[in-house]
Amino acid sequence: MYEEGGECAADITVTISIDRKYNCPRPLVETKDSLICLAGRGNLFDSIKLAVQDMTSLLFRLYGITEKDAYVLCTTVGSIRIGACVCNRESTENRCLVGISVPKSLNLSYIRGS
């Protein structure tokens, strides 16, 4: 079995809270510059699909744009990151954690026709 890890010493401060304005079914990370929807499913592609669905719904609700336009934003300005893939050789089940990051500073004037 292969095990890998990377550790480093650090002093950090993390604030975890529930913000009902986002109403996201899975974990959402908000940084100063971006929103990141996280999803984990049995394989990489299912995880990506679920994260993109969550971000599409979030952009639709937050910015009042169509779901189609929200999806286009995800595919053009979104950044997919693989957080972890854990493969269990004794099982057919694999777990992948994926995040899609979208900048909070979006210029939506071309979508709204302004």
N, C-alpha and C. Protein backbone atom coordinates (compact mmCIF):
# COMPACT_ATOMS: atom_id res chain seq x y z
N MET A 1 0.84 -1.18 0.00
CA MET A 1 0.00 0.00 0.00
C MET A 1 0.88 1.24 0.00
N TYR A 2 0.51 2.22 -0.79
CA TYR A 2 1.27 3.46 -0.88
C TYR A 2 0.62 4.51 0.00
N GLU A 3 1.42 5.17 0.78
CA GLU A 3 0.93 6.28 1.59
C GLU A 3 1.85 7.46 1.38
N GLU A 4 1.24 8.60 1.17
CA GLU A 4 2.02 9.80 0.97
C GLU A 4 1.48 10.89 1.88
N GLY A 5 2.30 11.82 2.21
CA GLY A 5 1.86 12.94 3.03
C GLY A 5 2.87 14.06 2.95
N GLY A 6 2.39 15.23 3.18
CA GLY A 6 3.27 16.39 3.22
C GLY A 6 2.88 17.25 4.41
N GLU A 7 3.79 17.45 5.28
CA GLU A 7 3.50 18.23 6.48
C GLU A 7 4.47 19.40 6.59
N CYS A 8 3.98 20.46 7.20
CA CYS A 8 4.85 21.59 7.48
C CYS A 8 4.32 22.31 8.71
N ALA A 9 5.18 22.98 9.39
CA ALA A 9 4.78 23.74 10.57
C ALA A 9 4.16 25.06 10.13
N ALA A 10 3.06 25.45 10.79
CA ALA A 10 2.40 26.70 10.43
C ALA A 10 1.48 27.14 11.57
N ASP A 11 1.33 28.44 11.69
CA ASP A 11 0.33 29.01 12.59
C ASP A 11 -0.76 29.60 11.73
N ILE A 12 -1.97 29.08 11.86
CA ILE A 12 -3.08 29.56 11.05
C ILE A 12 -4.29 29.82 11.92
N THR A 13 -5.18 30.65 11.41
CA THR A 13 -6.46 30.89 12.06
C THR A 13 -7.55 30.57 11.05
N VAL A 14 -8.47 29.70 11.43
CA VAL A 14 -9.56 29.29 10.56
C VAL A 14 -10.87 29.58 11.28
N THR A 15 -11.79 30.20 10.55
CA THR A 15 -13.12 30.44 11.08
C THR A 15 -14.10 29.61 10.28
N ILE A 16 -14.84 28.77 10.96
CA ILE A 16 -15.85 27.94 10.31
C ILE A 16 -17.21 28.38 10.81
N SER A 17 -18.10 28.66 9.86
CA SER A 17 -19.44 29.10 10.24
C SER A 17 -20.43 28.65 9.18
N ILE A 18 -21.68 28.71 9.55
CA ILE A 18 -22.75 28.40 8.61
C ILE A 18 -23.40 29.72 8.21
N ASP A 19 -23.37 29.99 6.92
CA ASP A 19 -23.97 31.21 6.38
C ASP A 19 -25.13 30.79 5.50
N ARG A 20 -26.33 31.01 5.97
CA ARG A 20 -27.53 30.53 5.28
C ARG A 20 -27.79 31.24 3.95
N LYS A 21 -27.12 32.37 3.69
CA LYS A 21 -27.38 33.09 2.44
C LYS A 21 -26.93 32.30 1.22
N TYR A 22 -25.96 31.42 1.40
CA TYR A 22 -25.47 30.64 0.27
C TYR A 22 -26.30 29.39 0.02
N ASN A 23 -26.86 28.81 1.04
CA ASN A 23 -27.75 27.65 0.91
C ASN A 23 -27.16 26.58 0.00
N CYS A 24 -25.94 26.19 0.27
CA CYS A 24 -25.23 25.20 -0.54
C CYS A 24 -25.35 23.82 0.13
N PRO A 25 -25.68 22.78 -0.63
CA PRO A 25 -25.89 21.46 -0.03
C PRO A 25 -24.60 20.77 0.44
N ARG A 26 -23.47 21.20 -0.05
CA ARG A 26 -22.18 20.63 0.33
C ARG A 26 -21.25 21.76 0.79
N PRO A 27 -20.07 21.43 1.30
CA PRO A 27 -19.18 22.48 1.80
C PRO A 27 -18.85 23.55 0.76
N LEU A 28 -18.83 24.77 1.22
CA LEU A 28 -18.47 25.94 0.41
C LEU A 28 -17.41 26.71 1.17
N VAL A 29 -16.35 27.04 0.48
CA VAL A 29 -15.27 27.82 1.07
C VAL A 29 -15.32 29.21 0.46
N GLU A 30 -15.30 30.23 1.32
CA GLU A 30 -15.25 31.61 0.84
C GLU A 30 -13.92 32.20 1.26
N THR A 31 -13.17 32.66 0.28
CA THR A 31 -11.93 33.38 0.56
C THR A 31 -12.16 34.86 0.25
N LYS A 32 -11.14 35.65 0.43
CA LYS A 32 -11.25 37.08 0.12
C LYS A 32 -11.63 37.30 -1.33
N ASP A 33 -11.12 36.46 -2.23
CA ASP A 33 -11.28 36.68 -3.66
C ASP A 33 -12.21 35.71 -4.38
N SER A 34 -12.56 34.59 -3.76
CA SER A 34 -13.31 33.59 -4.52
C SER A 34 -14.27 32.78 -3.66
N LEU A 35 -15.16 32.08 -4.35
CA LEU A 35 -16.05 31.09 -3.76
C LEU A 35 -15.63 29.73 -4.32
N ILE A 36 -15.60 28.72 -3.45
CA ILE A 36 -15.16 27.39 -3.87
C ILE A 36 -16.18 26.37 -3.38
N CYS A 37 -16.83 25.68 -4.32
CA CYS A 37 -17.76 24.60 -3.99
C CYS A 37 -16.98 23.30 -3.98
N LEU A 38 -17.14 22.53 -2.90
CA LEU A 38 -16.45 21.25 -2.75
C LEU A 38 -17.44 20.10 -2.89
N ALA A 39 -17.00 19.03 -3.52
CA ALA A 39 -17.85 17.85 -3.66
C ALA A 39 -16.98 16.60 -3.71
N GLY A 40 -17.50 15.53 -3.17
CA GLY A 40 -16.79 14.27 -3.21
C GLY A 40 -17.75 13.14 -3.52
N ARG A 41 -17.41 12.35 -4.50
CA ARG A 41 -18.22 11.20 -4.89
C ARG A 41 -17.30 10.03 -5.18
N GLY A 42 -17.85 8.98 -5.69
CA GLY A 42 -17.11 7.74 -5.91
C GLY A 42 -16.03 7.81 -6.95
N ASN A 43 -16.10 8.75 -7.89
CA ASN A 43 -15.02 8.85 -8.86
C ASN A 43 -14.81 10.32 -9.23
N LEU A 44 -13.75 10.57 -9.93
CA LEU A 44 -13.35 11.94 -10.26
C LEU A 44 -14.42 12.67 -11.06
N PHE A 45 -14.97 12.03 -12.06
CA PHE A 45 -15.92 12.71 -12.93
C PHE A 45 -17.23 13.02 -12.23
N ASP A 46 -17.71 12.12 -11.37
CA ASP A 46 -18.91 12.40 -10.59
C ASP A 46 -18.68 13.55 -9.62
N SER A 47 -17.48 13.61 -9.05
CA SER A 47 -17.14 14.70 -8.12
C SER A 47 -17.12 16.04 -8.85
N ILE A 48 -16.52 16.08 -10.02
CA ILE A 48 -16.48 17.31 -10.81
C ILE A 48 -17.89 17.75 -11.18
N LYS A 49 -18.69 16.81 -11.65
CA LYS A 49 -20.07 17.13 -12.06
C LYS A 49 -20.86 17.72 -10.89
N LEU A 50 -20.73 17.13 -9.71
CA LEU A 50 -21.46 17.60 -8.55
C LEU A 50 -20.99 19.00 -8.11
N ALA A 51 -19.69 19.23 -8.13
CA ALA A 51 -19.15 20.55 -7.75
C ALA A 51 -19.61 21.63 -8.73
N VAL A 52 -19.60 21.31 -10.02
CA VAL A 52 -20.05 22.28 -11.03
C VAL A 52 -21.54 22.54 -10.90
N GLN A 53 -22.32 21.51 -10.61
CA GLN A 53 -23.76 21.71 -10.39
C GLN A 53 -24.01 22.64 -9.20
N ASP A 54 -23.27 22.43 -8.12
CA ASP A 54 -23.43 23.29 -6.94
C ASP A 54 -23.05 24.73 -7.25
N MET A 55 -21.94 24.92 -7.97
CA MET A 55 -21.51 26.28 -8.30
C MET A 55 -22.48 26.94 -9.27
N THR A 56 -22.99 26.19 -10.23
CA THR A 56 -23.97 26.74 -11.16
C THR A 56 -25.20 27.24 -10.42
N SER A 57 -25.71 26.44 -9.50
CA SER A 57 -26.87 26.84 -8.70
C SER A 57 -26.57 28.06 -7.84
N LEU A 58 -25.37 28.10 -7.28
CA LEU A 58 -24.98 29.22 -6.43
C LEU A 58 -24.90 30.52 -7.23
N LEU A 59 -24.25 30.49 -8.39
CA LEU A 59 -24.15 31.69 -9.22
C LEU A 59 -25.52 32.15 -9.70
N PHE A 60 -26.37 31.21 -10.05
CA PHE A 60 -27.75 31.50 -10.46
C PHE A 60 -28.48 32.28 -9.36
N ARG A 61 -28.37 31.81 -8.12
CA ARG A 61 -29.06 32.46 -7.00
C ARG A 61 -28.41 33.78 -6.61
N LEU A 62 -27.09 33.82 -6.56
CA LEU A 62 -26.40 35.03 -6.09
C LEU A 62 -26.49 36.20 -7.05
N TYR A 63 -26.37 35.91 -8.34
CA TYR A 63 -26.25 36.98 -9.32
C TYR A 63 -27.49 37.19 -10.18
N GLY A 64 -28.52 36.35 -10.00
CA GLY A 64 -29.76 36.53 -10.73
C GLY A 64 -29.61 36.34 -12.23
N ILE A 65 -28.73 35.44 -12.63
CA ILE A 65 -28.54 35.14 -14.05
C ILE A 65 -29.20 33.79 -14.33
N THR A 66 -29.33 33.43 -15.59
CA THR A 66 -29.93 32.14 -15.91
C THR A 66 -28.98 31.01 -15.52
N GLU A 67 -29.54 29.83 -15.36
CA GLU A 67 -28.70 28.68 -15.03
C GLU A 67 -27.73 28.37 -16.18
N LYS A 68 -28.17 28.59 -17.39
CA LYS A 68 -27.31 28.37 -18.55
C LYS A 68 -26.11 29.32 -18.51
N ASP A 69 -26.37 30.60 -18.22
CA ASP A 69 -25.27 31.57 -18.12
C ASP A 69 -24.35 31.24 -16.94
N ALA A 70 -24.94 30.78 -15.85
CA ALA A 70 -24.13 30.39 -14.68
C ALA A 70 -23.22 29.22 -15.03
N TYR A 71 -23.74 28.27 -15.80
CA TYR A 71 -22.92 27.13 -16.22
C TYR A 71 -21.78 27.59 -17.14
N VAL A 72 -22.08 28.51 -18.05
CA VAL A 72 -21.05 29.04 -18.94
C VAL A 72 -19.96 29.73 -18.12
N LEU A 73 -20.35 30.47 -17.09
CA LEU A 73 -19.35 31.10 -16.21
C LEU A 73 -18.47 30.04 -15.56
N CYS A 74 -19.07 28.97 -15.08
CA CYS A 74 -18.29 27.89 -14.45
C CYS A 74 -17.26 27.33 -15.40
N THR A 75 -17.66 27.15 -16.65
CA THR A 75 -16.75 26.53 -17.62
C THR A 75 -15.72 27.49 -18.18
N THR A 76 -15.95 28.80 -18.04
CA THR A 76 -15.00 29.76 -18.61
C THR A 76 -14.09 30.40 -17.56
N VAL A 77 -14.64 30.74 -16.39
CA VAL A 77 -13.81 31.39 -15.38
C VAL A 77 -13.56 30.50 -14.17
N GLY A 78 -14.24 29.35 -14.11
CA GLY A 78 -14.06 28.44 -12.99
C GLY A 78 -12.76 27.67 -13.10
N SER A 79 -12.22 27.34 -11.95
CA SER A 79 -10.98 26.57 -11.89
C SER A 79 -11.22 25.31 -11.06
N ILE A 80 -11.09 24.15 -11.68
CA ILE A 80 -11.29 22.87 -11.00
C ILE A 80 -9.98 22.46 -10.33
N ARG A 81 -10.08 22.06 -9.08
CA ARG A 81 -8.91 21.59 -8.35
C ARG A 81 -9.23 20.25 -7.70
N ILE A 82 -8.30 19.34 -7.79
CA ILE A 82 -8.46 18.05 -7.14
C ILE A 82 -7.81 18.16 -5.77
N GLY A 83 -8.63 17.97 -4.75
CA GLY A 83 -8.12 18.08 -3.38
C GLY A 83 -7.50 16.78 -2.91
N ALA A 84 -8.11 15.67 -3.28
CA ALA A 84 -7.60 14.37 -2.86
C ALA A 84 -8.31 13.27 -3.63
N CYS A 85 -7.60 12.22 -3.92
CA CYS A 85 -8.19 11.00 -4.46
C CYS A 85 -7.66 9.86 -3.63
N VAL A 86 -8.55 9.15 -2.99
CA VAL A 86 -8.17 8.03 -2.16
C VAL A 86 -8.67 6.76 -2.82
N CYS A 87 -7.77 5.93 -3.23
CA CYS A 87 -8.13 4.68 -3.90
C CYS A 87 -7.87 3.53 -2.93
N ASN A 88 -8.89 2.73 -2.75
CA ASN A 88 -8.78 1.58 -1.87
C ASN A 88 -8.66 0.33 -2.72
N ARG A 89 -7.54 -0.32 -2.67
CA ARG A 89 -7.31 -1.50 -3.52
C ARG A 89 -8.17 -2.69 -3.11
N GLU A 90 -8.61 -2.72 -1.86
CA GLU A 90 -9.43 -3.82 -1.39
C GLU A 90 -10.89 -3.64 -1.77
N SER A 91 -11.23 -2.50 -2.35
CA SER A 91 -12.61 -2.18 -2.67
C SER A 91 -12.68 -1.56 -4.05
N THR A 92 -13.85 -1.58 -4.64
CA THR A 92 -14.03 -0.92 -5.93
C THR A 92 -14.36 0.55 -5.74
N GLU A 93 -14.46 0.98 -4.51
CA GLU A 93 -14.87 2.36 -4.21
C GLU A 93 -13.65 3.27 -4.09
N ASN A 94 -13.68 4.35 -4.83
CA ASN A 94 -12.65 5.38 -4.74
C ASN A 94 -13.32 6.66 -4.30
N ARG A 95 -12.60 7.51 -3.63
CA ARG A 95 -13.14 8.79 -3.19
C ARG A 95 -12.29 9.92 -3.73
N CYS A 96 -12.95 10.89 -4.36
CA CYS A 96 -12.25 12.05 -4.88
C CYS A 96 -12.91 13.31 -4.35
N LEU A 97 -12.11 14.22 -3.83
CA LEU A 97 -12.59 15.52 -3.38
C LEU A 97 -12.16 16.55 -4.41
N VAL A 98 -13.14 17.28 -4.92
CA VAL A 98 -12.90 18.25 -5.98
C VAL A 98 -13.49 19.59 -5.57
N GLY A 99 -12.86 20.66 -5.96
CA GLY A 99 -13.39 21.99 -5.74
C GLY A 99 -13.39 22.78 -7.03
N ILE A 100 -14.43 23.59 -7.21
CA ILE A 100 -14.44 24.54 -8.33
C ILE A 100 -14.44 25.93 -7.72
N SER A 101 -13.48 26.72 -8.14
CA SER A 101 -13.29 28.08 -7.64
C SER A 101 -13.72 29.09 -8.69
N VAL A 102 -14.50 30.07 -8.26
CA VAL A 102 -14.93 31.16 -9.15
C VAL A 102 -14.65 32.47 -8.44
N PRO A 103 -14.03 33.43 -9.14
CA PRO A 103 -13.75 34.72 -8.51
C PRO A 103 -15.03 35.45 -8.12
N LYS A 104 -14.97 36.15 -6.99
CA LYS A 104 -16.14 36.93 -6.55
C LYS A 104 -16.31 38.19 -7.37
N SER A 105 -15.23 38.67 -7.96
CA SER A 105 -15.30 39.91 -8.75
C SER A 105 -15.58 39.58 -10.21
N LEU A 106 -16.83 39.26 -10.50
CA LEU A 106 -17.23 38.93 -11.86
C LEU A 106 -17.86 40.15 -12.52
N ASN A 107 -17.49 40.40 -13.77
CA ASN A 107 -18.13 41.45 -14.54
C ASN A 107 -19.26 40.79 -15.34
N LEU A 108 -20.49 41.00 -14.88
CA LEU A 108 -21.63 40.34 -15.52
C LEU A 108 -22.38 41.24 -16.47
N SER A 109 -21.80 42.38 -16.83
CA SER A 109 -22.52 43.34 -17.67
C SER A 109 -22.81 42.75 -19.05
N TYR A 110 -21.93 41.90 -19.57
CA TYR A 110 -22.18 41.32 -20.89
C TYR A 110 -23.33 40.31 -20.84
N ILE A 111 -23.57 39.70 -19.68
CA ILE A 111 -24.68 38.76 -19.54
C ILE A 111 -26.00 39.52 -19.36
N ARG A 112 -25.97 40.57 -18.58
CA ARG A 112 -27.18 41.33 -18.30
C ARG A 112 -27.51 42.32 -19.40
N GLY A 113 -26.61 42.49 -20.35
CA GLY A 113 -26.86 43.42 -21.44
C GLY A 113 -26.66 44.88 -21.09
N SER A 114 -25.88 45.14 -20.05
CA SER A 114 -25.63 46.53 -19.62
C SER A 114 -24.45 47.12 -20.34
